[in-house]
Structures are given as structure tokens and as C-alpha cells.
């Protein structure tokens, strides 16, 4: 399921990044890598805010739609 459809407040695991290699590298450098646990904090107007490790990150809807997770 895409990250933007994750239940709020529930820790989920990233399973796949559907993006070209340069975008995947950028996301991995930000902490969004396959196997990483994240928590959806907010989803409004397509954009999402997620908790990654000890920080928060905002992603636009297109980027969030390409990050697939398992609950």
C-alpha cells in the first residue's frame, strides 16, 4: 500500500521505493530506505508528514504515492 494511505499514528515498514535511481538515493540519504520504520503523522491535500527515526519529514503526494509500505 502507498505511504499516503497508511493509518495515522501507526508505525509501518517501507517495502519498496518506486522511483528512478537518483530519487531513490536521495530518499535513502534522508532516511527513507527499504526496511526503515516510519509513522504517518499527517496527510492533507495529498502531502504527508512522516516521522523518520527522531525527525519529521514532509513529502508531496506524488513522492508519497511511490513509497510502498507494510503495516
N, C-alpha and C. Protein backbone atom coordinates (compact mmCIF):
# COMPACT_ATOMS: atom_id res chain seq x y z
N UNK A 1 0.85 -1.17 0.00
CA UNK A 1 0.00 0.00 0.00
C UNK A 1 0.90 1.23 0.00
N UNK A 2 0.49 2.29 -0.69
CA UNK A 2 1.28 3.52 -0.70
C UNK A 2 1.32 4.19 0.68
N UNK A 3 2.42 4.85 0.96
CA UNK A 3 2.60 5.53 2.24
C UNK A 3 1.46 6.49 2.54
N UNK A 4 0.98 7.19 1.53
CA UNK A 4 -0.07 8.19 1.80
C UNK A 4 -1.39 7.57 2.24
N UNK A 5 -1.52 6.23 2.13
CA UNK A 5 -2.73 5.55 2.57
C UNK A 5 -2.52 4.83 3.91
N UNK A 6 -1.37 4.99 4.52
CA UNK A 6 -1.08 4.34 5.80
C UNK A 6 -1.97 4.89 6.90
N UNK A 7 -2.30 4.07 7.88
CA UNK A 7 -3.08 4.59 9.02
C UNK A 7 -2.23 5.57 9.83
N UNK A 8 -2.84 6.65 10.26
CA UNK A 8 -2.12 7.67 11.05
C UNK A 8 -1.73 7.12 12.41
N UNK A 9 -0.50 7.47 12.80
CA UNK A 9 -0.04 7.11 14.13
C UNK A 9 0.46 5.68 14.28
N UNK A 10 0.46 4.90 13.20
CA UNK A 10 0.89 3.51 13.26
C UNK A 10 2.24 3.38 12.58
N UNK A 11 3.19 2.74 13.25
CA UNK A 11 4.50 2.52 12.64
C UNK A 11 4.39 1.48 11.54
N UNK A 12 4.93 1.81 10.37
CA UNK A 12 4.91 0.91 9.22
C UNK A 12 6.33 0.75 8.69
N UNK A 13 6.53 -0.25 7.86
CA UNK A 13 7.86 -0.51 7.29
C UNK A 13 7.85 -0.24 5.79
N UNK A 14 8.85 0.47 5.31
CA UNK A 14 8.97 0.72 3.88
C UNK A 14 9.40 -0.58 3.20
N UNK A 15 8.67 -0.98 2.17
CA UNK A 15 8.94 -2.21 1.44
C UNK A 15 9.52 -1.98 0.05
N UNK A 16 9.13 -0.84 -0.58
CA UNK A 16 9.61 -0.59 -1.95
C UNK A 16 9.56 0.90 -2.23
N UNK A 17 10.55 1.37 -2.98
CA UNK A 17 10.59 2.75 -3.44
C UNK A 17 10.44 2.72 -4.96
N UNK A 18 9.32 3.23 -5.46
CA UNK A 18 9.05 3.26 -6.89
C UNK A 18 9.48 4.62 -7.44
N UNK A 19 10.77 4.73 -7.76
CA UNK A 19 11.32 5.99 -8.27
C UNK A 19 12.59 5.66 -9.05
N UNK A 20 13.07 6.65 -9.81
CA UNK A 20 14.32 6.40 -10.52
C UNK A 20 15.48 6.38 -9.52
N UNK A 21 16.62 5.92 -9.96
CA UNK A 21 17.75 5.69 -9.06
C UNK A 21 18.21 6.94 -8.31
N UNK A 22 18.22 8.09 -8.97
CA UNK A 22 18.68 9.31 -8.28
C UNK A 22 17.71 9.70 -7.16
N UNK A 23 16.42 9.54 -7.39
CA UNK A 23 15.43 9.86 -6.36
C UNK A 23 15.53 8.85 -5.22
N UNK A 24 15.72 7.56 -5.54
CA UNK A 24 15.90 6.54 -4.51
C UNK A 24 17.09 6.86 -3.62
N UNK A 25 18.21 7.24 -4.23
CA UNK A 25 19.40 7.60 -3.45
C UNK A 25 19.11 8.78 -2.54
N UNK A 26 18.42 9.78 -3.07
CA UNK A 26 18.09 10.97 -2.27
C UNK A 26 17.21 10.58 -1.08
N UNK A 27 16.18 9.76 -1.31
CA UNK A 27 15.30 9.32 -0.23
C UNK A 27 16.07 8.51 0.80
N UNK A 28 16.95 7.63 0.33
CA UNK A 28 17.75 6.83 1.25
C UNK A 28 18.67 7.71 2.10
N UNK A 29 19.23 8.75 1.51
CA UNK A 29 20.07 9.69 2.26
C UNK A 29 19.27 10.44 3.32
N UNK A 30 17.97 10.60 3.09
CA UNK A 30 17.09 11.26 4.05
C UNK A 30 16.56 10.29 5.12
N UNK A 31 16.88 9.00 4.96
CA UNK A 31 16.43 8.01 5.93
C UNK A 31 15.25 7.18 5.48
N UNK A 32 14.75 7.42 4.27
CA UNK A 32 13.62 6.66 3.76
C UNK A 32 14.14 5.53 2.87
N UNK A 33 14.53 4.44 3.48
CA UNK A 33 15.09 3.30 2.77
C UNK A 33 14.23 2.07 3.01
N UNK A 34 14.32 1.10 2.13
CA UNK A 34 13.61 -0.16 2.30
C UNK A 34 14.02 -0.77 3.64
N UNK A 35 13.03 -1.18 4.42
CA UNK A 35 13.27 -1.74 5.74
C UNK A 35 13.15 -0.74 6.87
N UNK A 36 13.17 0.54 6.55
CA UNK A 36 13.07 1.59 7.57
C UNK A 36 11.65 1.69 8.10
N UNK A 37 11.50 1.88 9.40
CA UNK A 37 10.19 2.08 10.03
C UNK A 37 9.88 3.57 10.05
N UNK A 38 8.66 3.92 9.65
CA UNK A 38 8.19 5.31 9.66
C UNK A 38 6.77 5.34 10.21
N UNK A 39 6.35 6.52 10.64
CA UNK A 39 5.00 6.71 11.16
C UNK A 39 4.36 7.89 10.46
N UNK A 40 3.18 7.68 9.87
CA UNK A 40 2.45 8.77 9.23
C UNK A 40 1.84 9.64 10.32
N UNK A 41 2.20 10.91 10.33
CA UNK A 41 1.68 11.84 11.33
C UNK A 41 0.50 12.64 10.81
N UNK A 42 0.55 12.99 9.51
CA UNK A 42 -0.50 13.83 8.94
C UNK A 42 -0.56 13.60 7.44
N UNK A 43 -1.77 13.71 6.89
CA UNK A 43 -1.96 13.63 5.44
C UNK A 43 -3.05 14.62 5.07
N UNK A 44 -2.67 15.68 4.36
CA UNK A 44 -3.64 16.70 3.97
C UNK A 44 -3.35 17.16 2.55
N UNK A 45 -4.38 17.16 1.72
CA UNK A 45 -4.24 17.66 0.36
C UNK A 45 -3.23 16.89 -0.47
N UNK A 46 -3.03 15.63 -0.17
CA UNK A 46 -2.06 14.82 -0.91
C UNK A 46 -0.68 14.78 -0.28
N UNK A 47 -0.31 15.82 0.44
CA UNK A 47 1.00 15.86 1.10
C UNK A 47 0.93 15.10 2.41
N UNK A 48 2.07 14.57 2.85
CA UNK A 48 2.12 13.83 4.10
C UNK A 48 3.28 14.32 4.96
N UNK A 49 3.14 14.14 6.25
CA UNK A 49 4.24 14.36 7.19
C UNK A 49 4.48 13.04 7.89
N UNK A 50 5.72 12.57 7.86
CA UNK A 50 6.07 11.30 8.48
C UNK A 50 7.16 11.48 9.51
N UNK A 51 7.14 10.61 10.50
CA UNK A 51 8.21 10.56 11.49
C UNK A 51 9.20 9.51 10.99
N UNK A 52 10.46 9.92 10.84
CA UNK A 52 11.53 9.03 10.41
C UNK A 52 12.62 9.11 11.46
N UNK A 53 12.90 8.00 12.10
CA UNK A 53 13.86 7.96 13.21
C UNK A 53 13.41 8.99 14.25
N UNK A 54 14.20 10.01 14.53
CA UNK A 54 13.82 11.00 15.54
C UNK A 54 13.35 12.32 14.92
N UNK A 55 13.20 12.37 13.61
CA UNK A 55 12.81 13.60 12.95
C UNK A 55 11.50 13.48 12.21
N UNK A 56 11.07 14.58 11.63
CA UNK A 56 9.85 14.64 10.82
C UNK A 56 10.21 15.10 9.43
N UNK A 57 9.44 14.63 8.45
CA UNK A 57 9.70 14.97 7.07
C UNK A 57 8.38 15.16 6.33
N UNK A 58 8.32 16.20 5.50
CA UNK A 58 7.15 16.43 4.66
C UNK A 58 7.45 15.94 3.25
N UNK A 59 6.48 15.25 2.66
CA UNK A 59 6.60 14.75 1.29
C UNK A 59 5.36 15.16 0.50
N UNK A 60 5.55 15.50 -0.76
CA UNK A 60 4.38 15.79 -1.58
C UNK A 60 3.67 14.49 -1.92
N UNK A 61 2.45 14.59 -2.41
CA UNK A 61 1.64 13.43 -2.69
C UNK A 61 2.23 12.49 -3.70
N UNK A 62 2.87 13.03 -4.73
CA UNK A 62 3.47 12.19 -5.77
C UNK A 62 4.59 11.34 -5.19
N UNK A 63 5.42 11.93 -4.35
CA UNK A 63 6.53 11.20 -3.74
C UNK A 63 5.97 10.13 -2.78
N UNK A 64 4.98 10.51 -1.97
CA UNK A 64 4.39 9.58 -1.00
C UNK A 64 3.71 8.40 -1.71
N UNK A 65 3.16 8.64 -2.90
CA UNK A 65 2.48 7.57 -3.64
C UNK A 65 3.47 6.54 -4.16
N UNK A 66 4.74 6.89 -4.29
CA UNK A 66 5.76 5.98 -4.79
C UNK A 66 6.50 5.22 -3.70
N UNK A 67 6.12 5.44 -2.45
CA UNK A 67 6.74 4.73 -1.32
C UNK A 67 5.72 3.72 -0.83
N UNK A 68 6.05 2.44 -0.97
CA UNK A 68 5.12 1.38 -0.61
C UNK A 68 5.52 0.78 0.73
N UNK A 69 4.51 0.51 1.56
CA UNK A 69 4.76 0.10 2.94
C UNK A 69 3.99 -1.17 3.28
N UNK A 70 4.36 -1.76 4.41
CA UNK A 70 3.60 -2.87 5.00
C UNK A 70 3.27 -2.46 6.43
N UNK A 71 2.05 -2.72 6.82
CA UNK A 71 1.59 -2.34 8.17
C UNK A 71 2.03 -3.41 9.15
